[in-house]
C-alpha atoms as a PDB file:
ATOM      1  CA  MET A   1       7.279  23.649  -2.080  1.00  0.00           C
ATOM      2  CA  THR A   2       7.091  23.942   1.860  1.00  0.00           C
ATOM      3  CA  ILE A   3       6.358  21.019   4.197  1.00  0.00           C
ATOM      4  CA  ARG A   4       5.405  21.418   7.877  1.00  0.00           C
ATOM      5  CA  LEU A   5       6.721  19.007  10.385  1.00  0.00           C
ATOM      6  CA  ASP A   6       5.733  18.425  14.020  1.00  0.00           C
ATOM      7  CA  VAL A   7       8.759  19.034  16.319  1.00  0.00           C
ATOM      8  CA  ASP A   8       9.693  15.418  16.703  1.00  0.00           C
ATOM      9  CA  ALA A   9       9.777  14.805  13.038  1.00  0.00           C
ATOM     10  CA  LEU A  10      11.807  17.851  12.534  1.00  0.00           C
ATOM     11  CA  LYS A  11      14.033  16.853  15.274  1.00  0.00           C
ATOM     12  CA  GLY A  12      14.469  13.414  13.782  1.00  0.00           C
ATOM     13  CA  LEU A  13      15.194  14.946  10.186  1.00  0.00           C
ATOM     14  CA  GLU A  14      17.866  17.356  11.752  1.00  0.00           C
ATOM     15  CA  ASP A  15      19.397  14.356  13.482  1.00  0.00           C
ATOM     16  CA  LEU A  16      19.460  12.129  10.477  1.00  0.00           C
ATOM     17  CA  ALA A  17      20.780  14.948   8.293  1.00  0.00           C
ATOM     18  CA  GLN A  18      23.692  15.309  10.706  1.00  0.00           C
ATOM     19  CA  ALA A  19      24.393  11.752  10.976  1.00  0.00           C
ATOM     20  CA  THR A  20      24.407  11.126   7.433  1.00  0.00           C
ATOM     21  CA  ASP A  21      25.980  14.274   6.250  1.00  0.00           C
ATOM     22  CA  ARG A  22      22.988  14.796   3.982  1.00  0.00           C
ATOM     23  CA  SER A  23      20.806  17.990   3.941  1.00  0.00           C
ATOM     24  CA  LYS A  24      17.380  17.883   5.238  1.00  0.00           C
ATOM     25  CA  ALA A  25      16.076  18.664   1.790  1.00  0.00           C
ATOM     26  CA  TRP A  26      17.762  15.736   0.130  1.00  0.00           C
ATOM     27  CA  LEU A  27      16.444  13.447   2.900  1.00  0.00           C
ATOM     28  CA  ALA A  28      12.888  14.751   2.490  1.00  0.00           C
ATOM     29  CA  ALA A  29      13.113  14.421  -1.195  1.00  0.00           C
ATOM     30  CA  GLN A  30      14.253  10.672  -0.547  1.00  0.00           C
ATOM     31  CA  ALA A  31      11.254  10.300   1.749  1.00  0.00           C
ATOM     32  CA  VAL A  32       8.696  11.412  -0.844  1.00  0.00           C
ATOM     33  CA  ARG A  33      10.143   9.310  -3.435  1.00  0.00           C
ATOM     34  CA  SER A  34      10.015   6.099  -1.253  1.00  0.00           C
ATOM     35  CA  TYR A  35       6.729   6.954  -0.461  1.00  0.00           C
ATOM     36  CA  LEU A  36       5.566   7.195  -3.932  1.00  0.00           C
ATOM     37  CA  ASP A  37       7.539   3.986  -4.850  1.00  0.00           C
ATOM     38  CA  VAL A  38       5.460   2.313  -2.087  1.00  0.00           C
ATOM     39  CA  ASN A  39       2.152   3.811  -3.103  1.00  0.00           C
ATOM     40  CA  GLN A  40       1.882   4.122  -6.692  1.00  0.00           C
ATOM     41  CA  TRP A  41       1.651   0.534  -7.373  1.00  0.00           C
ATOM     42  CA  GLN A  42      -1.673   0.607  -5.267  1.00  0.00           C
ATOM     43  CA  ILE A  43      -3.130   3.140  -7.660  1.00  0.00           C
ATOM     44  CA  SER A  44      -2.025   1.068 -10.717  1.00  0.00           C
ATOM     45  CA  ALA A  45      -3.612  -2.132  -9.105  1.00  0.00           C
ATOM     46  CA  ILE A  46      -6.842  -0.193  -8.283  1.00  0.00           C
ATOM     47  CA  ARG A  47      -7.202   1.136 -11.772  1.00  0.00           C
ATOM     48  CA  ASP A  48      -6.397  -2.411 -13.244  1.00  0.00           C
ATOM     49  CA  ALA A  49      -8.854  -4.158 -11.068  1.00  0.00           C
ATOM     50  CA  LEU A  50     -11.576  -1.495 -11.751  1.00  0.00           C
ATOM     51  CA  LYS A  51     -10.852  -2.068 -15.536  1.00  0.00           C
ATOM     52  CA  ARG A  52     -11.139  -5.764 -15.087  1.00  0.00           C
ATOM     53  CA  ALA A  53     -14.284  -5.343 -12.803  1.00  0.00           C
ATOM     54  CA  GLY A  54     -16.057  -3.438 -15.635  1.00  0.00           C
ATOM     55  CA  GLN A  55     -15.463  -6.147 -18.253  1.00  0.00           C
ATOM     56  CA  LYS A  56     -18.380  -7.925 -19.798  1.00  0.00           C
ATOM     57  CA  GLU A  57     -16.868 -11.479 -18.424  1.00  0.00           C
ATOM     58  CA  ALA A  58     -16.179 -10.217 -15.084  1.00  0.00           C
ATOM     59  CA  ARG A  59     -17.712 -12.697 -12.291  1.00  0.00           C
ATOM     60  CA  TRP A  60     -18.346 -11.347  -8.907  1.00  0.00           C
ATOM     61  CA  LEU A  61     -18.499 -13.578  -5.807  1.00  0.00           C
ATOM     62  CA  GLY A  62     -20.855 -13.064  -2.942  1.00  0.00           C
ATOM     63  CA  HIS A  63     -19.577 -12.388   0.523  1.00  0.00           C
ATOM     64  CA  GLU A  64     -21.006 -15.595   1.795  1.00  0.00           C
ATOM     65  CA  GLU A  65     -19.021 -17.599  -0.707  1.00  0.00           C
ATOM     66  CA  VAL A  66     -15.603 -15.826   0.066  1.00  0.00           C
ATOM     67  CA  ASP A  67     -16.344 -15.676   3.752  1.00  0.00           C
ATOM     68  CA  ALA A  68     -16.895 -19.545   3.891  1.00  0.00           C
ATOM     69  CA  TRP A  69     -13.695 -20.266   1.967  1.00  0.00           C
ATOM     70  CA  LEU A  70     -11.846 -17.966   4.309  1.00  0.00           C
ATOM     71  CA  ALA A  71     -13.401 -19.652   7.476  1.00  0.00           C
ATOM     72  CA  SER A  72     -11.977 -22.806   6.287  1.00  0.00           C
ATOM     73  CA  TRP A  73      -8.255 -21.904   6.036  1.00  0.00           C
ATOM     74  CA  GLY A  74      -6.295 -24.191   8.173  1.00  0.00           C
ATOM     75  CA  ALA A  75      -9.099 -26.598   8.842  1.00  0.00           C
ATOM     76  CA  PRO A  76      -8.691 -30.261   7.928  1.00  0.00           C
ATOM     77  CA  GLN A  77     -11.261 -29.924   5.155  1.00  0.00           C
ATOM     78  CA  GLU A  78     -10.103 -26.723   3.633  1.00  0.00           C
ATOM     79  CA  ARG A  79     -12.166 -25.536   0.871  1.00  0.00           C
ATOM     80  CA  LYS A  80     -10.600 -24.825  -2.579  1.00  0.00           C
ATOM     81  CA  PRO A  81     -10.788 -21.001  -3.643  1.00  0.00           C
ATOM     82  CA  PRO A  82     -14.245 -20.017  -5.379  1.00  0.00           C
ATOM     83  CA  ARG A  83     -14.278 -19.629  -8.869  1.00  0.00           C
END
């Protein structure tokens, strides 16, 4: 695999590799792993939400209903979440 980095990112990678006594490849692999860890949960959550949204018993809320609830946040008469 090959990656292209801009000059600043490459310099930062080289500096970090030297400071940590790690290879640039090791640091890049760790960065990819970290990125995957951070973002894979989103894909899973989206797939789960789509699955639930497609179920017969799924209930959809209108924009106005949700907007009114959000607008009440922090107000003395804060509304309960819509059901």
